[in-house]
N, C-alpha and C. Protein backbone atom coordinates (compact mmCIF):
# COMPACT_ATOMS: atom_id res chain seq x y z
N MET A 1 -11.44 66.53 -49.84
CA MET A 1 -12.16 65.64 -48.99
C MET A 1 -11.39 65.24 -47.75
N PRO A 2 -10.11 65.14 -47.80
CA PRO A 2 -9.43 64.75 -46.58
C PRO A 2 -9.58 65.79 -45.50
N ASP A 3 -9.90 67.04 -45.82
CA ASP A 3 -10.03 68.07 -44.81
C ASP A 3 -11.40 68.09 -44.18
N GLN A 4 -12.29 67.32 -44.66
CA GLN A 4 -13.65 67.34 -44.13
C GLN A 4 -13.75 66.42 -42.94
N ALA A 5 -14.43 66.83 -41.91
CA ALA A 5 -14.67 66.03 -40.71
C ALA A 5 -16.04 65.40 -40.82
N ILE A 6 -16.14 64.21 -40.43
CA ILE A 6 -17.41 63.51 -40.48
C ILE A 6 -18.00 63.57 -39.09
N GLU A 7 -19.21 64.01 -39.04
CA GLU A 7 -19.88 64.14 -37.75
C GLU A 7 -21.01 63.14 -37.71
N LEU A 8 -21.02 62.34 -36.67
CA LEU A 8 -22.08 61.34 -36.50
C LEU A 8 -22.92 61.78 -35.32
N ASP A 9 -24.06 62.19 -35.61
CA ASP A 9 -24.96 62.62 -34.54
C ASP A 9 -26.30 62.00 -34.82
N SER A 10 -26.68 61.13 -33.93
CA SER A 10 -27.95 60.47 -34.14
C SER A 10 -29.08 61.28 -33.54
N GLY A 11 -28.76 62.28 -32.80
CA GLY A 11 -29.77 63.12 -32.22
C GLY A 11 -30.20 62.65 -30.84
N ALA A 12 -29.73 61.46 -30.42
CA ALA A 12 -30.11 60.95 -29.10
C ALA A 12 -28.96 61.18 -28.15
N PRO A 13 -29.27 61.48 -26.91
CA PRO A 13 -28.18 61.67 -25.94
C PRO A 13 -27.47 60.34 -25.68
N PRO A 14 -26.16 60.39 -25.36
CA PRO A 14 -25.42 59.14 -25.10
C PRO A 14 -26.03 58.41 -23.91
N ALA A 15 -26.06 57.05 -24.00
CA ALA A 15 -26.67 56.25 -22.95
C ALA A 15 -25.72 56.18 -21.77
N ALA A 16 -26.17 56.57 -20.67
CA ALA A 16 -25.37 56.53 -19.46
C ALA A 16 -25.54 55.17 -18.81
N ALA A 17 -24.48 54.70 -18.16
CA ALA A 17 -24.55 53.42 -17.46
C ALA A 17 -25.33 53.66 -16.19
N GLY A 18 -26.57 53.47 -16.28
CA GLY A 18 -27.44 53.70 -15.13
C GLY A 18 -27.47 52.51 -14.21
N PRO A 19 -28.22 52.63 -13.14
CA PRO A 19 -28.27 51.55 -12.16
C PRO A 19 -28.86 50.27 -12.74
N GLY A 20 -29.67 50.32 -13.72
CA GLY A 20 -30.27 49.11 -14.30
C GLY A 20 -29.24 48.26 -15.01
N LYS A 21 -28.39 48.89 -15.81
CA LYS A 21 -27.36 48.13 -16.53
C LYS A 21 -26.30 47.60 -15.57
N LEU A 22 -25.91 48.37 -14.60
CA LEU A 22 -24.91 47.96 -13.62
C LEU A 22 -25.42 46.78 -12.81
N LEU A 23 -26.70 46.84 -12.44
CA LEU A 23 -27.31 45.75 -11.69
C LEU A 23 -27.35 44.47 -12.54
N THR A 24 -27.64 44.58 -13.80
CA THR A 24 -27.68 43.43 -14.69
C THR A 24 -26.30 42.80 -14.82
N ILE A 25 -25.26 43.61 -14.93
CA ILE A 25 -23.89 43.10 -15.04
C ILE A 25 -23.49 42.39 -13.75
N LEU A 26 -23.80 42.98 -12.59
CA LEU A 26 -23.44 42.36 -11.30
C LEU A 26 -24.19 41.05 -11.07
N VAL A 27 -25.47 41.00 -11.41
CA VAL A 27 -26.25 39.77 -11.25
C VAL A 27 -25.70 38.69 -12.17
N GLY A 28 -25.34 39.03 -13.38
CA GLY A 28 -24.77 38.06 -14.33
C GLY A 28 -23.45 37.51 -13.84
N ALA A 29 -22.58 38.38 -13.32
CA ALA A 29 -21.29 37.93 -12.80
C ALA A 29 -21.48 37.04 -11.58
N ASN A 30 -22.41 37.42 -10.70
CA ASN A 30 -22.70 36.63 -9.51
C ASN A 30 -23.23 35.25 -9.90
N LEU A 31 -24.10 35.20 -10.88
CA LEU A 31 -24.66 33.93 -11.34
C LEU A 31 -23.56 33.05 -11.93
N LEU A 32 -22.65 33.63 -12.69
CA LEU A 32 -21.54 32.89 -13.27
C LEU A 32 -20.64 32.31 -12.19
N ILE A 33 -20.33 33.08 -11.18
CA ILE A 33 -19.49 32.61 -10.06
C ILE A 33 -20.20 31.49 -9.30
N THR A 34 -21.50 31.65 -9.06
CA THR A 34 -22.26 30.63 -8.34
C THR A 34 -22.29 29.31 -9.10
N VAL A 35 -22.49 29.36 -10.40
CA VAL A 35 -22.51 28.15 -11.21
C VAL A 35 -21.14 27.47 -11.17
N ALA A 36 -20.07 28.24 -11.24
CA ALA A 36 -18.72 27.68 -11.19
C ALA A 36 -18.46 27.01 -9.84
N MET A 37 -18.89 27.62 -8.74
CA MET A 37 -18.67 27.05 -7.41
C MET A 37 -19.49 25.77 -7.22
N VAL A 38 -20.71 25.76 -7.70
CA VAL A 38 -21.53 24.55 -7.60
C VAL A 38 -20.89 23.42 -8.40
N ALA A 39 -20.37 23.71 -9.56
CA ALA A 39 -19.70 22.69 -10.38
C ALA A 39 -18.47 22.14 -9.66
N MET A 40 -17.68 23.02 -9.02
CA MET A 40 -16.51 22.57 -8.28
C MET A 40 -16.92 21.73 -7.07
N LEU A 41 -18.02 22.09 -6.42
CA LEU A 41 -18.50 21.34 -5.27
C LEU A 41 -18.95 19.95 -5.69
N VAL A 42 -19.68 19.86 -6.79
CA VAL A 42 -20.18 18.57 -7.26
C VAL A 42 -19.02 17.69 -7.72
N LEU A 43 -18.04 18.27 -8.41
CA LEU A 43 -16.91 17.50 -8.92
C LEU A 43 -15.82 17.31 -7.87
N LYS A 44 -15.96 17.95 -6.72
CA LYS A 44 -14.99 17.86 -5.62
C LYS A 44 -13.59 18.23 -6.09
N VAL A 45 -13.49 19.39 -6.68
CA VAL A 45 -12.20 19.91 -7.13
C VAL A 45 -11.99 21.28 -6.51
N GLY A 46 -10.77 21.74 -6.63
CA GLY A 46 -10.46 23.07 -6.11
C GLY A 46 -10.51 23.09 -4.59
N PRO A 47 -11.07 24.15 -4.00
CA PRO A 47 -11.08 24.25 -2.53
C PRO A 47 -12.04 23.26 -1.88
N PHE A 48 -12.87 22.57 -2.66
CA PHE A 48 -13.83 21.64 -2.09
C PHE A 48 -13.29 20.22 -2.02
N ASP A 49 -12.06 19.99 -2.46
CA ASP A 49 -11.42 18.69 -2.33
C ASP A 49 -10.85 18.63 -0.92
N LEU A 50 -11.54 17.94 -0.04
CA LEU A 50 -11.19 17.94 1.38
C LEU A 50 -10.05 17.00 1.72
N THR A 51 -9.66 16.09 0.82
CA THR A 51 -8.53 15.21 1.09
C THR A 51 -7.27 15.84 0.52
N PRO A 52 -6.32 16.18 1.39
CA PRO A 52 -5.10 16.81 0.89
C PRO A 52 -4.27 15.81 0.11
N PRO A 53 -3.65 16.26 -0.96
CA PRO A 53 -2.80 15.35 -1.73
C PRO A 53 -1.58 14.95 -0.91
N MET A 54 -1.21 13.66 -0.98
CA MET A 54 -0.05 13.18 -0.24
C MET A 54 1.02 12.72 -1.21
N GLU A 55 2.22 13.04 -0.89
CA GLU A 55 3.35 12.58 -1.67
C GLU A 55 3.78 11.22 -1.13
N GLY A 56 4.72 10.57 -1.79
CA GLY A 56 5.15 9.22 -1.44
C GLY A 56 5.59 9.06 0.00
N GLU A 57 6.48 9.94 0.48
CA GLU A 57 6.97 9.82 1.85
C GLU A 57 5.87 10.09 2.86
N GLU A 58 5.03 11.10 2.60
CA GLU A 58 3.94 11.41 3.51
C GLU A 58 2.98 10.24 3.61
N MET A 59 2.67 9.62 2.48
CA MET A 59 1.75 8.49 2.47
C MET A 59 2.35 7.31 3.24
N ALA A 60 3.64 7.06 3.05
CA ALA A 60 4.29 5.96 3.75
C ALA A 60 4.31 6.23 5.25
N GLU A 61 4.58 7.48 5.65
CA GLU A 61 4.58 7.82 7.07
C GLU A 61 3.21 7.63 7.68
N GLU A 62 2.16 8.04 6.97
CA GLU A 62 0.81 7.90 7.50
C GLU A 62 0.44 6.43 7.64
N MET A 63 0.83 5.61 6.66
CA MET A 63 0.53 4.18 6.74
C MET A 63 1.26 3.55 7.91
N GLU A 64 2.51 3.96 8.16
CA GLU A 64 3.27 3.43 9.28
C GLU A 64 2.64 3.84 10.60
N GLU A 65 2.11 5.05 10.68
CA GLU A 65 1.50 5.52 11.91
C GLU A 65 0.24 4.73 12.25
N GLU A 66 -0.49 4.26 11.24
CA GLU A 66 -1.73 3.56 11.47
C GLU A 66 -1.49 2.13 11.96
N LEU A 67 -0.38 1.52 11.60
CA LEU A 67 -0.12 0.14 11.95
C LEU A 67 0.43 0.03 13.37
N PRO A 68 -0.02 -1.00 14.10
CA PRO A 68 0.61 -1.25 15.41
C PRO A 68 2.05 -1.71 15.20
N PRO A 69 2.85 -1.65 16.23
CA PRO A 69 4.25 -2.04 16.07
C PRO A 69 4.37 -3.53 15.77
N PRO A 70 5.43 -3.91 15.05
CA PRO A 70 5.60 -5.33 14.72
C PRO A 70 6.00 -6.14 15.94
N ILE A 71 5.57 -7.39 15.94
CA ILE A 71 5.95 -8.35 16.98
C ILE A 71 6.56 -9.54 16.25
N TYR A 72 7.71 -9.99 16.72
CA TYR A 72 8.39 -11.12 16.08
C TYR A 72 8.31 -12.33 17.00
N GLU A 73 7.92 -13.44 16.42
CA GLU A 73 7.87 -14.70 17.15
C GLU A 73 8.80 -15.68 16.46
N SER A 74 9.69 -16.28 17.23
CA SER A 74 10.68 -17.19 16.69
C SER A 74 10.22 -18.64 16.85
N MET A 75 10.81 -19.49 16.03
CA MET A 75 10.57 -20.92 16.16
C MET A 75 11.18 -21.40 17.47
N ASP A 76 10.60 -22.46 18.05
CA ASP A 76 11.10 -23.00 19.32
C ASP A 76 12.53 -23.52 19.17
N LYS A 77 12.75 -24.30 18.14
CA LYS A 77 14.07 -24.87 17.90
C LYS A 77 14.31 -24.90 16.39
N PRO A 78 15.56 -25.03 15.99
CA PRO A 78 15.86 -25.01 14.56
C PRO A 78 15.35 -26.25 13.83
N VAL A 79 15.08 -26.07 12.56
CA VAL A 79 14.76 -27.16 11.66
C VAL A 79 16.08 -27.62 11.05
N VAL A 80 16.37 -28.93 11.16
CA VAL A 80 17.60 -29.47 10.59
C VAL A 80 17.20 -30.53 9.56
N VAL A 81 17.72 -30.37 8.34
CA VAL A 81 17.37 -31.26 7.24
C VAL A 81 18.67 -31.72 6.58
N ASN A 82 18.70 -33.01 6.20
CA ASN A 82 19.86 -33.49 5.47
C ASN A 82 19.50 -33.66 4.00
N PHE A 83 20.49 -33.40 3.14
CA PHE A 83 20.34 -33.51 1.69
C PHE A 83 21.44 -34.43 1.18
N ARG A 84 21.16 -35.14 0.14
CA ARG A 84 22.18 -35.95 -0.53
C ARG A 84 22.62 -35.14 -1.74
N SER A 85 23.88 -34.75 -1.78
CA SER A 85 24.41 -33.99 -2.90
C SER A 85 25.59 -34.79 -3.47
N GLY A 86 25.33 -35.46 -4.58
CA GLY A 86 26.36 -36.34 -5.14
C GLY A 86 26.52 -37.52 -4.22
N ASN A 87 27.75 -37.73 -3.72
CA ASN A 87 27.97 -38.81 -2.76
C ASN A 87 28.21 -38.26 -1.36
N LYS A 88 27.85 -37.01 -1.14
CA LYS A 88 28.06 -36.37 0.18
C LYS A 88 26.72 -36.09 0.84
N GLU A 89 26.74 -36.15 2.14
CA GLU A 89 25.59 -35.74 2.94
C GLU A 89 25.76 -34.26 3.28
N ARG A 90 24.73 -33.48 3.03
CA ARG A 90 24.72 -32.05 3.35
C ARG A 90 23.61 -31.80 4.36
N TYR A 91 23.80 -30.79 5.19
CA TYR A 91 22.82 -30.45 6.21
C TYR A 91 22.46 -28.97 6.12
N LEU A 92 21.24 -28.69 6.44
CA LEU A 92 20.76 -27.31 6.51
C LEU A 92 20.11 -27.12 7.86
N GLN A 93 20.52 -26.06 8.54
CA GLN A 93 19.87 -25.67 9.80
C GLN A 93 19.16 -24.35 9.54
N LEU A 94 17.88 -24.29 9.92
CA LEU A 94 17.04 -23.14 9.60
C LEU A 94 16.24 -22.71 10.82
N VAL A 95 16.25 -21.41 11.11
CA VAL A 95 15.39 -20.82 12.13
C VAL A 95 14.67 -19.65 11.48
N ALA A 96 13.36 -19.61 11.67
CA ALA A 96 12.55 -18.54 11.09
C ALA A 96 11.91 -17.70 12.18
N GLN A 97 11.70 -16.43 11.86
CA GLN A 97 10.94 -15.51 12.73
C GLN A 97 9.74 -15.05 11.94
N PHE A 98 8.61 -14.91 12.63
CA PHE A 98 7.35 -14.55 12.00
C PHE A 98 6.93 -13.16 12.48
N LEU A 99 6.68 -12.25 11.53
CA LEU A 99 6.27 -10.89 11.86
C LEU A 99 4.75 -10.83 11.88
N THR A 100 4.22 -10.35 13.00
CA THR A 100 2.79 -10.12 13.13
C THR A 100 2.60 -8.81 13.88
N ARG A 101 1.37 -8.41 14.06
CA ARG A 101 1.10 -7.14 14.75
C ARG A 101 0.10 -7.31 15.89
N SER A 102 -0.17 -8.55 16.29
CA SER A 102 -1.11 -8.73 17.41
C SER A 102 -0.62 -9.82 18.34
N ASP A 103 -0.88 -9.64 19.61
CA ASP A 103 -0.50 -10.63 20.62
C ASP A 103 -1.27 -11.93 20.43
N GLU A 104 -2.50 -11.83 19.96
CA GLU A 104 -3.31 -13.03 19.73
C GLU A 104 -2.67 -13.91 18.66
N THR A 105 -2.14 -13.30 17.62
CA THR A 105 -1.51 -14.07 16.56
C THR A 105 -0.24 -14.74 17.06
N VAL A 106 0.49 -14.07 17.95
CA VAL A 106 1.69 -14.68 18.54
C VAL A 106 1.30 -15.96 19.27
N LEU A 107 0.21 -15.91 20.03
CA LEU A 107 -0.26 -17.12 20.73
C LEU A 107 -0.67 -18.20 19.74
N GLU A 108 -1.32 -17.80 18.64
CA GLU A 108 -1.73 -18.78 17.63
C GLU A 108 -0.52 -19.40 16.93
N ILE A 109 0.52 -18.60 16.69
CA ILE A 109 1.74 -19.14 16.08
C ILE A 109 2.34 -20.19 17.01
N ARG A 110 2.40 -19.88 18.30
CA ARG A 110 2.94 -20.84 19.28
C ARG A 110 2.10 -22.11 19.32
N ASN A 111 0.78 -21.95 19.31
CA ASN A 111 -0.11 -23.12 19.38
C ASN A 111 0.02 -24.01 18.16
N HIS A 112 0.23 -23.41 16.99
CA HIS A 112 0.25 -24.18 15.74
C HIS A 112 1.65 -24.35 15.17
N MET A 113 2.67 -24.14 16.00
CA MET A 113 4.05 -24.29 15.55
C MET A 113 4.34 -25.70 15.03
N PRO A 114 3.80 -26.78 15.63
CA PRO A 114 4.07 -28.11 15.06
C PRO A 114 3.59 -28.23 13.60
N ALA A 115 2.45 -27.68 13.28
CA ALA A 115 1.94 -27.74 11.90
C ALA A 115 2.81 -26.89 10.98
N ILE A 116 3.27 -25.77 11.46
CA ILE A 116 4.13 -24.90 10.64
C ILE A 116 5.46 -25.59 10.37
N VAL A 117 6.08 -26.17 11.41
CA VAL A 117 7.36 -26.85 11.25
C VAL A 117 7.21 -28.05 10.32
N ASP A 118 6.11 -28.77 10.44
CA ASP A 118 5.86 -29.90 9.54
C ASP A 118 5.79 -29.41 8.09
N GLY A 119 5.12 -28.30 7.87
CA GLY A 119 5.05 -27.74 6.52
C GLY A 119 6.42 -27.34 6.00
N ILE A 120 7.27 -26.83 6.87
CA ILE A 120 8.63 -26.45 6.46
C ILE A 120 9.41 -27.71 6.07
N TYR A 121 9.28 -28.78 6.86
CA TYR A 121 9.96 -30.04 6.51
C TYR A 121 9.47 -30.57 5.16
N ARG A 122 8.17 -30.52 4.93
CA ARG A 122 7.63 -30.99 3.66
C ARG A 122 8.15 -30.13 2.50
N GLU A 123 8.20 -28.83 2.70
CA GLU A 123 8.69 -27.92 1.65
C GLU A 123 10.16 -28.19 1.36
N LEU A 124 10.96 -28.37 2.40
CA LEU A 124 12.38 -28.65 2.20
C LEU A 124 12.59 -30.02 1.56
N GLY A 125 11.69 -30.96 1.81
CA GLY A 125 11.80 -32.28 1.19
C GLY A 125 11.60 -32.23 -0.31
N GLN A 126 10.93 -31.21 -0.81
CA GLN A 126 10.70 -31.06 -2.25
C GLN A 126 11.72 -30.13 -2.91
N THR A 127 12.68 -29.65 -2.13
CA THR A 127 13.64 -28.66 -2.62
C THR A 127 15.00 -29.33 -2.86
N GLN A 128 15.65 -28.96 -3.94
CA GLN A 128 16.99 -29.46 -4.23
C GLN A 128 18.01 -28.61 -3.47
N PHE A 129 19.09 -29.27 -3.02
CA PHE A 129 20.12 -28.58 -2.25
C PHE A 129 20.72 -27.41 -3.02
N GLY A 130 20.93 -27.61 -4.31
CA GLY A 130 21.52 -26.55 -5.15
C GLY A 130 20.65 -25.30 -5.22
N GLU A 131 19.33 -25.48 -5.16
CA GLU A 131 18.43 -24.32 -5.21
C GLU A 131 18.61 -23.43 -3.99
N LEU A 132 18.87 -24.04 -2.84
CA LEU A 132 18.99 -23.28 -1.60
C LEU A 132 20.29 -22.50 -1.51
N GLN A 133 21.22 -22.79 -2.40
CA GLN A 133 22.49 -22.08 -2.39
C GLN A 133 22.43 -20.77 -3.16
N THR A 134 21.30 -20.51 -3.84
CA THR A 134 21.15 -19.26 -4.58
C THR A 134 20.23 -18.32 -3.81
N LEU A 135 20.38 -17.06 -4.05
CA LEU A 135 19.53 -16.05 -3.43
C LEU A 135 18.08 -16.24 -3.84
N GLU A 136 17.87 -16.54 -5.11
CA GLU A 136 16.51 -16.75 -5.61
C GLU A 136 15.86 -17.96 -4.95
N GLY A 137 16.63 -19.02 -4.75
CA GLY A 137 16.11 -20.22 -4.11
C GLY A 137 15.73 -19.99 -2.66
N ARG A 138 16.58 -19.25 -1.94
CA ARG A 138 16.26 -18.93 -0.53
C ARG A 138 15.03 -18.02 -0.45
N GLU A 139 14.92 -17.08 -1.38
CA GLU A 139 13.75 -16.19 -1.38
C GLU A 139 12.48 -16.97 -1.71
N ALA A 140 12.57 -17.91 -2.64
CA ALA A 140 11.41 -18.75 -2.97
C ALA A 140 11.01 -19.59 -1.76
N LEU A 141 11.99 -20.13 -1.05
CA LEU A 141 11.69 -20.90 0.17
C LEU A 141 11.04 -20.01 1.22
N ARG A 142 11.56 -18.80 1.38
CA ARG A 142 11.00 -17.87 2.37
C ARG A 142 9.54 -17.54 2.04
N MET A 143 9.27 -17.30 0.77
CA MET A 143 7.89 -16.99 0.36
C MET A 143 6.97 -18.20 0.55
N SER A 144 7.47 -19.40 0.28
CA SER A 144 6.62 -20.58 0.46
C SER A 144 6.38 -20.85 1.94
N VAL A 145 7.38 -20.57 2.80
CA VAL A 145 7.17 -20.72 4.25
C VAL A 145 6.15 -19.69 4.73
N LEU A 146 6.21 -18.48 4.21
CA LEU A 146 5.21 -17.47 4.56
C LEU A 146 3.82 -17.93 4.15
N LYS A 147 3.70 -18.44 2.93
CA LYS A 147 2.40 -18.88 2.43
C LYS A 147 1.86 -20.04 3.26
N LEU A 148 2.71 -21.02 3.56
CA LEU A 148 2.20 -22.16 4.34
C LEU A 148 1.87 -21.76 5.76
N THR A 149 2.61 -20.82 6.34
CA THR A 149 2.29 -20.33 7.69
C THR A 149 0.94 -19.63 7.68
N GLN A 150 0.72 -18.79 6.69
CA GLN A 150 -0.57 -18.10 6.59
C GLN A 150 -1.71 -19.09 6.38
N GLU A 151 -1.46 -20.12 5.59
CA GLU A 151 -2.50 -21.13 5.37
C GLU A 151 -2.84 -21.89 6.64
N VAL A 152 -1.81 -22.26 7.42
CA VAL A 152 -2.04 -22.97 8.69
C VAL A 152 -2.84 -22.09 9.63
N LEU A 153 -2.44 -20.83 9.78
CA LEU A 153 -3.15 -19.93 10.70
C LEU A 153 -4.56 -19.65 10.21
N GLU A 154 -4.73 -19.48 8.91
CA GLU A 154 -6.06 -19.20 8.39
C GLU A 154 -6.99 -20.41 8.59
N LYS A 155 -6.45 -21.59 8.43
CA LYS A 155 -7.24 -22.80 8.61
C LYS A 155 -7.74 -22.92 10.05
N HIS A 156 -6.88 -22.56 11.01
CA HIS A 156 -7.21 -22.75 12.42
C HIS A 156 -7.83 -21.52 13.09
N THR A 157 -7.55 -20.33 12.55
CA THR A 157 -8.04 -19.11 13.22
C THR A 157 -8.94 -18.26 12.34
N GLY A 158 -8.90 -18.48 11.04
CA GLY A 158 -9.71 -17.68 10.13
C GLY A 158 -8.99 -16.46 9.57
N GLU A 159 -7.78 -16.19 10.05
CA GLU A 159 -6.99 -15.05 9.55
C GLU A 159 -5.56 -15.47 9.30
N PRO A 160 -4.92 -14.92 8.24
CA PRO A 160 -3.53 -15.30 7.96
C PRO A 160 -2.56 -14.83 9.04
N GLY A 161 -2.77 -13.65 9.59
CA GLY A 161 -2.04 -13.17 10.77
C GLY A 161 -0.58 -12.81 10.60
N VAL A 162 0.17 -13.50 9.75
CA VAL A 162 1.61 -13.26 9.61
C VAL A 162 1.85 -12.45 8.34
N GLU A 163 2.63 -11.36 8.48
CA GLU A 163 2.94 -10.51 7.33
C GLU A 163 4.21 -10.93 6.62
N GLU A 164 5.21 -11.32 7.38
CA GLU A 164 6.52 -11.66 6.81
C GLU A 164 7.13 -12.81 7.58
N VAL A 165 8.04 -13.51 6.91
CA VAL A 165 8.86 -14.54 7.53
C VAL A 165 10.31 -14.18 7.23
N PHE A 166 11.15 -14.25 8.26
CA PHE A 166 12.57 -13.94 8.10
C PHE A 166 13.37 -15.14 8.58
N PHE A 167 14.39 -15.52 7.83
CA PHE A 167 15.30 -16.58 8.25
C PHE A 167 16.41 -15.93 9.06
N THR A 168 16.46 -16.22 10.35
CA THR A 168 17.50 -15.64 11.19
C THR A 168 18.69 -16.59 11.32
N THR A 169 18.50 -17.85 10.98
CA THR A 169 19.59 -18.81 10.89
C THR A 169 19.38 -19.61 9.61
N PHE A 170 20.40 -19.68 8.79
CA PHE A 170 20.34 -20.43 7.54
C PHE A 170 21.76 -20.93 7.30
N VAL A 171 22.07 -22.12 7.86
CA VAL A 171 23.45 -22.62 7.86
C VAL A 171 23.53 -23.90 7.04
N PHE A 172 24.48 -23.94 6.09
CA PHE A 172 24.78 -25.15 5.31
C PHE A 172 26.01 -25.84 5.90
N GLN A 173 26.04 -27.17 5.82
CA GLN A 173 27.25 -27.91 6.16
C GLN A 173 27.48 -28.97 5.14
């Protein structure tokens, strides 16, 4: 039996890949590609995602390009406050600069500087001298001066206007 060959002949000629079968395969492949492209278009993925991905530095650069340049406005004169520390009199001299990005806000800061300075005096009146000698205390004071400045400007102009406050003079005696 191992020497016998098995012949399979069904009597029908082999089916040739005619134009009908080839056309069916091409239409099916085309339909599959079309469905995939429509799905990518609807989901906005692949080549249809029109927003290019940005990395950290690129995003920071783009944000910087969109912002107008900073403008710094300084206080007219320093704020001087005395503190009682034990049996000694201590003094603090403070000058702040306000960062904004519009000339209109600079004018508003100048117009409302008395209210801002008054707020700084009130804030310093509630602060202990020892707190101001630490980095955390100075940072807390800086943030509260920023907040009160934004509140004054928002009350009078409708916009906070100031992004940052910097102490350019902070002298203890």
